[in-house]
Amino acid sequence: MKALVYEGPKRQRILERERPQPGQGEVLVRIRACGICGSDVHGYLGLTGRRLAPMVMGHEFAGEIA
């Protein structure tokens, strides 16, 4: 699967990652859309200490249970 990985202020790359395996009581969601919010922008710019590299970005998404 593809993932947008934060590598530090103003540094991100789209990388290939292994498909996660859901555990007991979890589901795998096939992402169909992902938005960029203000906290993502602030993290990308390095304005907050909440983004620690390497980190997969994107927490506002919609999809279907795979």
C-alpha atoms as a PDB file:
ATOM      1  CA  MET A   1       0.000   0.000   0.000  1.00  0.00           C
ATOM      2  CA  LYS A   2       1.103   3.583  -0.482  1.00  0.00           C
ATOM      3  CA  ALA A   3       1.654   5.865   2.513  1.00  0.00           C
ATOM      4  CA  LEU A   4       2.592   9.529   2.844  1.00  0.00           C
ATOM      5  CA  VAL A   5       5.482   9.484   5.327  1.00  0.00           C
ATOM      6  CA  TYR A   6       6.566  12.581   7.241  1.00  0.00           C
ATOM      7  CA  GLU A   7      10.370  12.658   7.367  1.00  0.00           C
ATOM      8  CA  GLY A   8      10.861  16.040   9.043  1.00  0.00           C
ATOM      9  CA  PRO A   9       9.850  19.665   8.498  1.00  0.00           C
ATOM     10  CA  LYS A  10       8.898  20.205   4.844  1.00  0.00           C
ATOM     11  CA  ARG A  11      10.003  16.647   3.957  1.00  0.00           C
ATOM     12  CA  GLN A  12       7.495  13.953   3.006  1.00  0.00           C
ATOM     13  CA  ARG A  13       7.591  11.019   0.595  1.00  0.00           C
ATOM     14  CA  ILE A  14       5.058   8.560  -0.740  1.00  0.00           C
ATOM     15  CA  LEU A  15       6.441   5.117   0.134  1.00  0.00           C
ATOM     16  CA  GLU A  16       5.263   1.570  -0.331  1.00  0.00           C
ATOM     17  CA  ARG A  17       4.358  -0.137   2.965  1.00  0.00           C
ATOM     18  CA  GLU A  18       3.188  -3.644   3.819  1.00  0.00           C
ATOM     19  CA  ARG A  19      -0.545  -4.108   4.135  1.00  0.00           C
ATOM     20  CA  PRO A  20      -1.457  -4.175   7.851  1.00  0.00           C
ATOM     21  CA  GLN A  21      -2.999  -7.319   9.315  1.00  0.00           C
ATOM     22  CA  PRO A  22      -5.982  -6.586  11.587  1.00  0.00           C
ATOM     23  CA  GLY A  23      -5.939  -8.127  15.023  1.00  0.00           C
ATOM     24  CA  GLN A  24      -8.780  -9.551  17.096  1.00  0.00           C
ATOM     25  CA  GLY A  25     -11.723  -7.127  17.107  1.00  0.00           C
ATOM     26  CA  GLU A  26     -10.168  -4.892  14.403  1.00  0.00           C
ATOM     27  CA  VAL A  27     -11.000  -4.357  10.739  1.00  0.00           C
ATOM     28  CA  LEU A  28      -8.939  -3.331   7.715  1.00  0.00           C
ATOM     29  CA  VAL A  29     -10.249  -0.193   5.994  1.00  0.00           C
ATOM     30  CA  ARG A  30      -9.559   0.323   2.288  1.00  0.00           C
ATOM     31  CA  ILE A  31      -9.036   4.088   2.108  1.00  0.00           C
ATOM     32  CA  ARG A  32     -10.884   5.803  -0.738  1.00  0.00           C
ATOM     33  CA  ALA A  33     -10.197   9.443   0.195  1.00  0.00           C
ATOM     34  CA  CYS A  34      -7.993  11.274   2.681  1.00  0.00           C
ATOM     35  CA  GLY A  35      -8.099  14.957   3.537  1.00  0.00           C
ATOM     36  CA  ILE A  36      -5.440  17.365   4.718  1.00  0.00           C
ATOM     37  CA  CYS A  37      -6.363  19.363   7.806  1.00  0.00           C
ATOM     38  CA  GLY A  38      -4.737  22.317   9.534  1.00  0.00           C
ATOM     39  CA  SER A  39      -2.823  20.143  11.994  1.00  0.00           C
ATOM     40  CA  ASP A  40      -1.304  18.197   9.061  1.00  0.00           C
ATOM     41  CA  VAL A  41      -0.110  21.460   7.516  1.00  0.00           C
ATOM     42  CA  HIS A  42       1.330  22.686  10.834  1.00  0.00           C
ATOM     43  CA  GLY A  43       3.073  19.344  11.315  1.00  0.00           C
ATOM     44  CA  TYR A  44       4.500  19.402   7.781  1.00  0.00           C
ATOM     45  CA  LEU A  45       5.902  22.874   8.402  1.00  0.00           C
ATOM     46  CA  GLY A  46       7.466  21.751  11.701  1.00  0.00           C
ATOM     47  CA  LEU A  47       5.405  24.204  13.757  1.00  0.00           C
ATOM     48  CA  THR A  48       4.353  21.607  16.341  1.00  0.00           C
ATOM     49  CA  GLY A  49       6.293  18.914  18.156  1.00  0.00           C
ATOM     50  CA  ARG A  50       3.505  16.390  17.622  1.00  0.00           C
ATOM     51  CA  ARG A  51       4.845  14.934  14.368  1.00  0.00           C
ATOM     52  CA  LEU A  52       7.794  12.616  14.941  1.00  0.00           C
ATOM     53  CA  ALA A  53       9.578  11.185  11.916  1.00  0.00           C
ATOM     54  CA  PRO A  54       8.988   8.722  10.435  1.00  0.00           C
ATOM     55  CA  MET A  55       5.196   9.055  10.701  1.00  0.00           C
ATOM     56  CA  VAL A  56       2.445   8.117   8.269  1.00  0.00           C
ATOM     57  CA  MET A  57       0.350  11.228   7.688  1.00  0.00           C
ATOM     58  CA  GLY A  58      -3.412  11.511   7.215  1.00  0.00           C
ATOM     59  CA  HIS A  59      -6.027  10.988   9.885  1.00  0.00           C
ATOM     60  CA  GLU A  60      -9.137  12.355   8.143  1.00  0.00           C
ATOM     61  CA  PHE A  61     -10.205   9.608   5.769  1.00  0.00           C
ATOM     62  CA  ALA A  62     -13.130   7.671   4.374  1.00  0.00           C
ATOM     63  CA  GLY A  63     -13.202   4.146   3.076  1.00  0.00           C
ATOM     64  CA  GLU A  64     -14.816   0.745   3.195  1.00  0.00           C
ATOM     65  CA  ILE A  65     -14.166  -2.338   5.264  1.00  0.00           C
ATOM     66  CA  ALA A  66     -11.853  -4.540   3.235  1.00  0.00           C
END
